[in-house]
């Protein structure tokens, strides 16, 4: 079997990791234009249930992360990612033949379980090679490349669906996974050093998990990531309905999503430029604090009918960009902060952190998305609450970390 030994250049490594992580984003965002057609065919009596196609995928991914990290600590990063891509493809193929919403959700659950491997283990690959603010900077560069996939995914999904129906989109997932898997296995050397491999014995796994779950700072960052994921997943679950039902822009949704995705990508650019100088925690606090102010302000003027009972489309679009942009200033930093003290068990730590944050975020996001009432207001409320709690938790983390006290806060 061919085993590459030459380290990749930093740009190629960043692009590869971005594509592996983007397997998840493609499986979510490419589905958005197809949700009305899925609803009409499989659940016409309750169109909101089509949102569960996204939620169940995320839930499966959350459960999958529990095992993929420990497996990668034992067997290596590449074999586990490859197996996950195969399972992801099997779920996609099963979805093609679904004849009921329940069958489709089961297939998406399997697909989500497989997607956990590239999502979690790719992050562990970064931690194998980098640490601290340098890791956060690399993660930001990864996000700069990654952002192109979710931005383009609805357009690609709509194009595939126009030629092959919504079931054809799942064939696109298989192709995307195959490209990522081949690139990984033909070009990237294994990043897990032999001396850092860990046993799968239950006692060793428990000790590693206990180390993660007894670190108070790590637990705080997990809670903050949960809140951040929740508001993002809630927006993704409802956004197609808002464009179609609230603003009558279902046909142009892929275009607006593309423009919004590219604009919000500036958040990752700013993070990559500023993180080495300003710090991960301060940038995340600034992003959450700014989102509280923006969301509360929009809710207030909506309640007072200053610009009408429903936000004008242009205002909603700019708010959407601000939410996605906030992700670029938070998730890479939060992941680096959570994994910083866990470099010796990066796979296990990445699994625990991502599993808890993902599963818990679905519990928060699903009710927000299902509360859609024809207006963006439930989303605004959910985003304001989640952002406020996240900001407060980040302040607590700052007080607990002696190193953080040396740097002043960024005020919003």
Protein backbone atom coordinates (compact mmCIF):
# COMPACT_ATOMS: atom_id res chain seq x y z
CA UNK A 1 0.00 0.00 0.00
CA UNK A 2 1.32 3.43 -0.97
CA UNK A 3 2.17 5.52 2.09
CA UNK A 4 3.27 9.12 1.50
CA UNK A 5 6.13 10.29 3.69
CA UNK A 6 6.85 13.78 2.39
CA UNK A 7 5.11 16.43 4.54
CA UNK A 8 2.64 18.58 2.66
CA UNK A 9 3.31 22.25 2.17
CA UNK A 10 1.32 24.39 4.58
CA UNK A 11 -1.06 25.69 1.86
CA UNK A 12 -1.85 22.16 0.64
CA UNK A 13 -2.32 20.88 4.19
CA UNK A 14 -4.68 23.75 4.99
CA UNK A 15 -6.68 23.14 1.81
CA UNK A 16 -6.91 19.40 2.44
CA UNK A 17 -8.08 19.83 6.02
CA UNK A 18 -10.59 22.45 4.88
CA UNK A 19 -12.02 20.03 2.32
CA UNK A 20 -12.28 17.20 4.85
CA UNK A 21 -14.11 19.40 7.32
CA UNK A 22 -16.24 20.80 4.48
CA UNK A 23 -17.70 17.32 3.93
CA UNK A 24 -19.97 18.23 6.84
CA UNK A 25 -20.93 21.68 5.55
CA UNK A 26 -21.64 20.33 2.07
CA UNK A 27 -23.95 17.67 3.50
CA UNK A 28 -25.93 20.38 5.31
CA UNK A 29 -25.96 23.40 3.02
CA UNK A 30 -26.38 21.57 -0.29
CA UNK A 31 -29.65 20.18 1.08
CA UNK A 32 -31.20 23.57 1.78
CA UNK A 33 -32.74 24.22 -1.68
CA UNK A 34 -34.17 20.66 -1.70
CA UNK A 35 -36.02 20.89 1.61
CA UNK A 36 -39.31 22.14 0.06
CA UNK A 37 -39.26 19.24 -2.42
CA UNK A 38 -38.49 16.72 0.31
CA UNK A 39 -41.32 18.17 2.38
CA UNK A 40 -43.75 18.00 -0.54
CA UNK A 41 -42.87 14.39 -1.35
CA UNK A 42 -42.27 12.81 2.03
CA UNK A 43 -44.02 14.95 4.66
CA UNK A 44 -46.62 17.21 2.99
CA UNK A 45 -48.81 17.22 6.11
CA UNK A 46 -46.07 18.92 8.18
CA UNK A 47 -43.47 20.75 6.06
CA UNK A 48 -41.49 21.84 9.14
CA UNK A 49 -40.44 18.20 9.63
CA UNK A 50 -38.17 18.53 6.59
CA UNK A 51 -35.87 20.58 8.87
CA UNK A 52 -35.13 17.34 10.72
CA UNK A 53 -33.11 16.21 7.69
CA UNK A 54 -30.50 18.67 8.92
CA UNK A 55 -30.99 18.15 12.64
CA UNK A 56 -30.74 14.34 12.52
CA UNK A 57 -27.53 14.56 10.48
CA UNK A 58 -26.00 16.87 13.09
CA UNK A 59 -27.22 14.59 15.88
CA UNK A 60 -25.62 11.54 14.24
CA UNK A 61 -22.42 13.47 13.80
CA UNK A 62 -22.48 14.40 17.47
CA UNK A 63 -22.79 10.79 18.59
CA UNK A 64 -20.14 9.70 16.09
CA UNK A 65 -17.58 12.06 17.55
CA UNK A 66 -17.64 10.09 20.81
CA UNK A 67 -15.73 7.22 19.22
CA UNK A 68 -13.84 8.67 16.26
CA UNK A 69 -11.31 10.60 18.36
CA UNK A 70 -10.29 7.66 20.57
CA UNK A 71 -10.12 5.39 17.52
CA UNK A 72 -7.82 7.87 15.80
CA UNK A 73 -5.59 8.01 18.89
CA UNK A 74 -5.11 4.24 18.54
CA UNK A 75 -5.23 3.45 14.81
CA UNK A 76 -4.09 6.77 13.37
CA UNK A 77 -5.82 9.75 11.84
CA UNK A 78 -5.94 8.61 8.21
CA UNK A 79 -7.58 5.17 8.63
CA UNK A 80 -10.34 6.57 10.83
CA UNK A 81 -11.10 9.47 8.47
CA UNK A 82 -11.19 7.05 5.54
CA UNK A 83 -13.61 4.70 7.32
CA UNK A 84 -15.81 7.66 8.23
CA UNK A 85 -15.95 8.81 4.60
CA UNK A 86 -17.00 5.31 3.54
CA UNK A 87 -19.80 5.24 6.15
CA UNK A 88 -20.83 8.75 5.11
CA UNK A 89 -21.11 7.56 1.51
CA UNK A 90 -23.16 4.50 2.50
CA UNK A 91 -25.64 6.77 4.29
CA UNK A 92 -25.85 8.99 1.23
CA UNK A 93 -26.54 6.02 -1.04
CA UNK A 94 -29.27 4.74 1.30
CA UNK A 95 -30.88 8.19 1.25
CA UNK A 96 -31.23 7.99 -2.53
CA UNK A 97 -33.66 5.08 -2.11
CA UNK A 98 -35.67 6.47 0.83
CA UNK A 99 -39.44 6.18 0.36
CA UNK A 100 -40.51 7.86 3.61
CA UNK A 101 -39.29 10.67 5.81
CA UNK A 102 -38.39 8.09 8.46
CA UNK A 103 -36.18 6.15 6.04
CA UNK A 104 -34.51 9.36 4.92
CA UNK A 105 -33.84 10.39 8.52
CA UNK A 106 -32.32 6.97 9.28
CA UNK A 107 -30.01 7.30 6.28
CA UNK A 108 -29.03 10.81 7.33
CA UNK A 109 -28.26 9.53 10.83
CA UNK A 110 -25.81 7.03 9.33
CA UNK A 111 -24.34 9.73 7.12
CA UNK A 112 -23.87 11.96 10.16
CA UNK A 113 -22.13 9.18 12.08
CA UNK A 114 -19.63 8.87 9.22
CA UNK A 115 -19.17 12.63 8.92
CA UNK A 116 -17.95 12.76 12.51
CA UNK A 117 -14.59 11.28 11.49
CA UNK A 118 -13.39 13.95 9.04
CA UNK A 119 -14.81 16.69 11.20
CA UNK A 120 -13.15 15.66 14.48
CA UNK A 121 -10.02 13.87 13.34
CA UNK A 122 -9.06 16.61 10.88
CA UNK A 123 -8.98 18.99 13.86
CA UNK A 124 -6.77 16.52 15.72
CA UNK A 125 -4.42 16.51 12.71
CA UNK A 126 -3.99 20.26 13.12
CA UNK A 127 -3.30 19.79 16.84
CA UNK A 128 -0.72 17.09 16.02
CA UNK A 129 1.31 19.64 14.09
CA UNK A 130 0.51 23.00 15.74
CA UNK A 131 -0.46 24.45 19.12
CA UNK A 132 -1.61 27.67 20.78
CA UNK A 133 -2.19 30.80 18.72
CA UNK A 134 -0.43 29.20 15.76
CA UNK A 135 -3.05 26.45 15.83
CA UNK A 136 -5.80 29.08 15.95
CA UNK A 137 -4.20 30.86 13.00
CA UNK A 138 -4.01 27.64 10.97
CA UNK A 139 -7.63 26.92 11.90
CA UNK A 140 -8.56 30.38 10.64
CA UNK A 141 -6.79 29.76 7.34
CA UNK A 142 -8.66 26.46 7.11
CA UNK A 143 -11.91 28.34 7.67
CA UNK A 144 -11.01 30.83 4.94
CA UNK A 145 -10.87 27.96 2.42
CA UNK A 146 -13.71 26.05 4.07
CA UNK A 147 -16.13 28.99 3.84
CA UNK A 148 -16.24 28.64 0.05
CA UNK A 149 -17.91 25.23 0.32
CA UNK A 150 -20.95 26.22 2.42
CA UNK A 151 -21.24 29.42 0.40
CA UNK A 152 -21.35 27.51 -2.89
CA UNK A 153 -23.14 24.41 -1.60
CA UNK A 154 -26.76 25.62 -2.04
CA UNK A 155 -26.00 26.67 -5.63
CA UNK A 156 -24.37 23.31 -6.34
CA UNK A 157 -27.22 21.48 -4.61
CA UNK A 158 -29.83 23.42 -6.59
CA UNK A 159 -27.97 22.70 -9.84
CA UNK A 160 -27.79 18.96 -9.11
CA UNK A 161 -31.43 18.87 -8.01
CA UNK A 162 -32.55 20.65 -11.18
CA UNK A 163 -31.04 17.86 -13.27
CA UNK A 164 -31.47 14.79 -11.07
CA UNK A 165 -33.99 15.72 -8.38
CA UNK A 166 -33.30 16.03 -4.67
CA UNK A 167 -32.09 12.42 -4.54
CA UNK A 168 -29.29 13.29 -6.94
CA UNK A 169 -27.80 15.64 -4.34
CA UNK A 170 -26.83 12.59 -2.29
CA UNK A 171 -24.81 11.30 -5.24
CA UNK A 172 -22.88 14.55 -5.09
CA UNK A 173 -22.02 13.80 -1.47
CA UNK A 174 -20.46 10.48 -2.51
CA UNK A 175 -18.31 12.17 -5.16
CA UNK A 176 -17.16 14.88 -2.73
CA UNK A 177 -16.22 12.29 -0.10
CA UNK A 178 -14.32 10.20 -2.64
CA UNK A 179 -12.21 13.17 -3.71
CA UNK A 180 -11.33 14.01 -0.11
CA UNK A 181 -10.51 10.40 0.75
CA UNK A 182 -8.23 9.91 -2.24
CA UNK A 183 -6.40 13.18 -1.63
CA UNK A 184 -5.84 12.28 2.03
CA UNK A 185 -4.50 8.80 1.33
CA UNK A 186 -2.35 9.67 -1.67
CA UNK A 187 -0.75 12.86 -0.36
CA UNK A 188 -0.89 13.28 3.44
CA UNK A 189 1.50 11.37 5.75
CA UNK A 190 0.11 10.14 9.06
CA UNK A 191 0.31 12.97 11.61
CA UNK A 192 -0.02 10.90 14.79
CA UNK A 193 3.43 10.11 16.13
CA UNK A 194 3.94 6.48 17.14
CA UNK A 195 4.85 7.45 20.69
CA UNK A 196 1.54 9.31 21.05
CA UNK A 197 -0.72 6.37 20.21
CA UNK A 198 -3.02 5.30 23.03
CA UNK A 199 -4.67 2.02 23.96
CA UNK A 200 -8.39 1.40 23.58
CA UNK A 201 -8.61 -0.19 27.01
CA UNK A 202 -11.67 1.15 28.88
CA UNK A 203 -9.54 2.31 31.80
CA UNK A 204 -7.28 4.36 29.54
CA UNK A 205 -10.26 5.86 27.71
CA UNK A 206 -11.93 6.73 30.99
CA UNK A 207 -8.79 8.39 32.31
CA UNK A 208 -8.50 10.50 29.15
CA UNK A 209 -12.19 11.44 29.19
CA UNK A 210 -12.01 12.24 32.89
CA UNK A 211 -9.04 14.52 32.28
CA UNK A 212 -11.09 16.48 29.72
CA UNK A 213 -14.28 16.59 31.79
CA UNK A 214 -12.59 17.67 35.03
CA UNK A 215 -10.84 20.65 33.47
CA UNK A 216 -13.07 23.59 34.36
CA UNK A 217 -11.81 25.84 31.59
CA UNK A 218 -12.38 23.15 28.97
CA UNK A 219 -15.94 22.64 30.23
CA UNK A 220 -16.63 26.35 29.90
CA UNK A 221 -15.36 26.37 26.33
CA UNK A 222 -17.54 23.34 25.55
CA UNK A 223 -20.57 25.23 26.86
CA UNK A 224 -19.69 28.28 24.76
CA UNK A 225 -19.22 26.14 21.64
CA UNK A 226 -22.60 24.52 22.34
CA UNK A 227 -24.31 27.90 22.37
CA UNK A 228 -22.46 29.02 19.24
CA UNK A 229 -23.33 25.86 17.34
CA UNK A 230 -26.95 26.10 18.50
CA UNK A 231 -27.58 29.56 17.09
CA UNK A 232 -25.80 28.64 13.84
CA UNK A 233 -27.71 25.35 13.39
CA UNK A 234 -31.00 27.07 14.20
CA UNK A 235 -30.33 29.64 11.47
CA UNK A 236 -29.39 26.95 8.94
CA UNK A 237 -32.52 24.94 9.77
CA UNK A 238 -34.87 27.87 9.19
CA UNK A 239 -33.12 29.96 6.58
CA UNK A 240 -34.63 28.35 3.49
CA UNK A 241 -38.16 28.75 4.89
CA UNK A 242 -37.47 32.35 5.78
CA UNK A 243 -36.25 33.13 2.29
CA UNK A 244 -39.17 31.31 0.68
CA UNK A 245 -42.13 31.89 3.01
CA UNK A 246 -41.27 35.23 4.60
CA UNK A 247 -39.55 37.04 1.74
CA UNK A 248 -40.69 35.13 -1.35
CA UNK A 249 -37.12 34.57 -2.54
CA UNK A 250 -36.98 30.78 -2.76
CA UNK A 251 -35.68 30.87 -6.35
CA UNK A 252 -32.87 33.30 -5.59
CA UNK A 253 -31.97 31.72 -2.24
CA UNK A 254 -28.76 30.00 -3.53
CA UNK A 255 -27.51 33.34 -4.89
CA UNK A 256 -28.12 35.24 -1.66
CA UNK A 257 -26.62 32.41 0.39
CA UNK A 258 -23.51 32.50 -1.79
CA UNK A 259 -23.12 36.27 -1.43
CA UNK A 260 -23.75 36.07 2.32
CA UNK A 261 -21.27 33.24 2.73
CA UNK A 262 -18.53 35.10 0.89
CA UNK A 263 -19.14 38.28 2.89
CA UNK A 264 -19.17 36.41 6.19
CA UNK A 265 -15.88 34.80 5.20
CA UNK A 266 -14.29 38.12 6.08
CA UNK A 267 -14.68 37.04 9.71
CA UNK A 268 -12.16 34.26 9.20
CA UNK A 269 -9.80 36.67 7.42
CA UNK A 270 -9.95 39.11 10.33
CA UNK A 271 -9.41 36.27 12.78
CA UNK A 272 -6.35 34.96 10.92
CA UNK A 273 -4.87 38.47 10.84
CA UNK A 274 -5.70 39.47 14.42
CA UNK A 275 -5.53 36.29 16.49
CA UNK A 276 -1.73 36.26 16.85
CA UNK A 277 -1.81 39.85 18.10
CA UNK A 278 -5.10 40.12 19.99
CA UNK A 279 -5.67 36.58 21.25
CA UNK A 280 -8.33 33.93 20.84
CA UNK A 281 -10.45 34.70 23.88
CA UNK A 282 -10.74 38.42 23.29
CA UNK A 283 -11.84 37.98 19.68
CA UNK A 284 -14.51 35.45 20.69
CA UNK A 285 -15.80 37.77 23.43
CA UNK A 286 -15.98 40.66 20.99
CA UNK A 287 -17.94 38.57 18.46
CA UNK A 288 -20.53 37.33 20.98
CA UNK A 289 -20.90 40.75 22.58
CA UNK A 290 -21.44 42.42 19.21
CA UNK A 291 -24.07 39.83 18.27
CA UNK A 292 -26.00 40.48 21.48
CA UNK A 293 -26.14 44.19 20.69
CA UNK A 294 -27.15 43.62 17.05
CA UNK A 295 -29.85 41.02 17.73
CA UNK A 296 -31.40 42.90 20.66
CA UNK A 297 -31.44 46.12 18.66
CA UNK A 298 -33.22 44.46 15.75
CA UNK A 299 -35.72 42.77 18.05
CA UNK A 300 -36.45 46.09 19.73
CA UNK A 301 -37.11 48.03 16.54
CA UNK A 302 -39.22 45.14 15.27
CA UNK A 303 -41.33 45.02 18.42
CA UNK A 304 -41.78 48.80 18.30
CA UNK A 305 -42.68 48.58 14.58
CA UNK A 306 -40.01 51.15 13.79
CA UNK A 307 -39.39 49.40 10.45
CA UNK A 308 -42.47 47.18 10.49
CA UNK A 309 -43.38 43.95 12.33
CA UNK A 310 -40.99 41.93 10.14
CA UNK A 311 -37.41 42.90 9.30
CA UNK A 312 -36.98 44.13 5.73
CA UNK A 313 -35.13 41.58 3.65
CA UNK A 314 -32.02 43.73 3.35
CA UNK A 315 -31.76 44.04 7.13
CA UNK A 316 -32.30 40.31 7.65
CA UNK A 317 -29.64 39.53 5.07
CA UNK A 318 -27.07 41.74 6.81
CA UNK A 319 -27.96 40.14 10.15
CA UNK A 320 -27.51 36.69 8.60
CA UNK A 321 -24.06 37.74 7.39
CA UNK A 322 -23.20 38.94 10.90
CA UNK A 323 -24.15 35.56 12.41
CA UNK A 324 -22.05 33.59 9.92
CA UNK A 325 -19.23 36.10 10.31
CA UNK A 326 -19.36 35.61 14.06
CA UNK A 327 -18.67 31.91 13.48
CA UNK A 328 -15.40 32.84 11.79
CA UNK A 329 -14.33 34.78 14.87
CA UNK A 330 -15.30 32.13 17.41
CA UNK A 331 -15.27 28.44 16.47
CA UNK A 332 -11.62 28.08 15.49
CA UNK A 333 -10.56 30.04 18.56
CA UNK A 334 -12.82 28.10 20.92
CA UNK A 335 -11.62 24.78 19.57
CA UNK A 336 -7.99 25.84 20.00
CA UNK A 337 -8.67 27.09 23.54
CA UNK A 338 -10.38 23.83 24.51
CA UNK A 339 -7.66 21.60 23.03
CA UNK A 340 -4.66 23.67 24.13
CA UNK A 341 -4.11 21.81 27.44
CA UNK A 342 -5.02 18.45 25.85
CA UNK A 343 -2.32 18.03 23.20
CA UNK A 344 -1.24 14.64 24.58
CA UNK A 345 -4.78 13.27 24.07
CA UNK A 346 -5.84 15.45 21.14
CA UNK A 347 -8.06 12.81 19.50
CA UNK A 348 -9.96 11.95 22.67
CA UNK A 349 -10.23 15.58 23.69
CA UNK A 350 -11.48 16.61 20.25
CA UNK A 351 -14.09 13.83 20.41
CA UNK A 352 -15.37 14.76 23.85
CA UNK A 353 -15.45 18.47 23.13
CA UNK A 354 -17.14 18.13 19.74
CA UNK A 355 -19.56 15.38 20.80
CA UNK A 356 -20.94 17.26 23.79
CA UNK A 357 -21.11 20.59 21.97
CA UNK A 358 -22.79 19.13 18.88
CA UNK A 359 -25.39 16.93 20.59
CA UNK A 360 -26.29 19.58 23.15
CA UNK A 361 -26.53 22.25 20.44
CA UNK A 362 -29.14 20.22 18.55
CA UNK A 363 -31.27 20.09 21.69
CA UNK A 364 -31.19 23.90 21.76
CA UNK A 365 -31.34 24.55 18.00
CA UNK A 366 -34.20 22.21 17.05
CA UNK A 367 -36.88 24.00 19.12
CA UNK A 368 -35.68 27.37 17.85
CA UNK A 369 -35.91 26.20 14.24
CA UNK A 370 -39.27 24.48 14.71
CA UNK A 371 -40.63 27.68 16.30
CA UNK A 372 -40.57 29.31 12.84
CA UNK A 373 -43.77 31.34 12.59
CA UNK A 374 -43.29 33.08 9.27
CA UNK A 375 -40.91 35.70 10.70
CA UNK A 376 -37.23 35.74 11.72
CA UNK A 377 -38.18 36.78 15.28
CA UNK A 378 -37.72 33.34 16.94
CA UNK A 379 -34.22 33.23 15.45
CA UNK A 380 -33.40 36.71 16.68
CA UNK A 381 -34.52 35.82 20.20
CA UNK A 382 -32.59 32.54 20.21
CA UNK A 383 -29.45 34.19 18.87
CA UNK A 384 -29.57 37.02 21.41
CA UNK A 385 -30.00 34.63 24.34
CA UNK A 386 -27.31 32.18 23.19
CA UNK A 387 -24.83 34.97 22.46
CA UNK A 388 -25.42 36.65 25.83
CA UNK A 389 -24.85 33.40 27.72
CA UNK A 390 -21.73 32.66 25.65
CA UNK A 391 -20.31 36.11 26.35
CA UNK A 392 -20.92 35.71 30.09
CA UNK A 393 -19.20 32.31 30.09
CA UNK A 394 -16.20 33.75 28.25
CA UNK A 395 -15.86 36.40 30.96
CA UNK A 396 -15.86 33.61 33.53
CA UNK A 397 -13.15 31.78 31.60
CA UNK A 398 -11.08 34.94 31.52
CA UNK A 399 -11.26 35.23 35.31
CA UNK A 400 -10.17 31.60 35.74
CA UNK A 401 -7.19 31.78 33.39
CA UNK A 402 -4.21 33.65 34.88
CA UNK A 403 -2.75 34.24 31.42
CA UNK A 404 -5.96 35.92 30.26
CA UNK A 405 -5.84 38.47 33.04
CA UNK A 406 -2.70 39.97 31.57
CA UNK A 407 -4.58 41.20 28.50
CA UNK A 408 -7.27 43.92 28.53
CA UNK A 409 -10.78 43.26 27.31
CA UNK A 410 -12.09 44.36 23.95
CA UNK A 411 -15.19 46.42 24.64
CA UNK A 412 -18.20 46.43 22.33
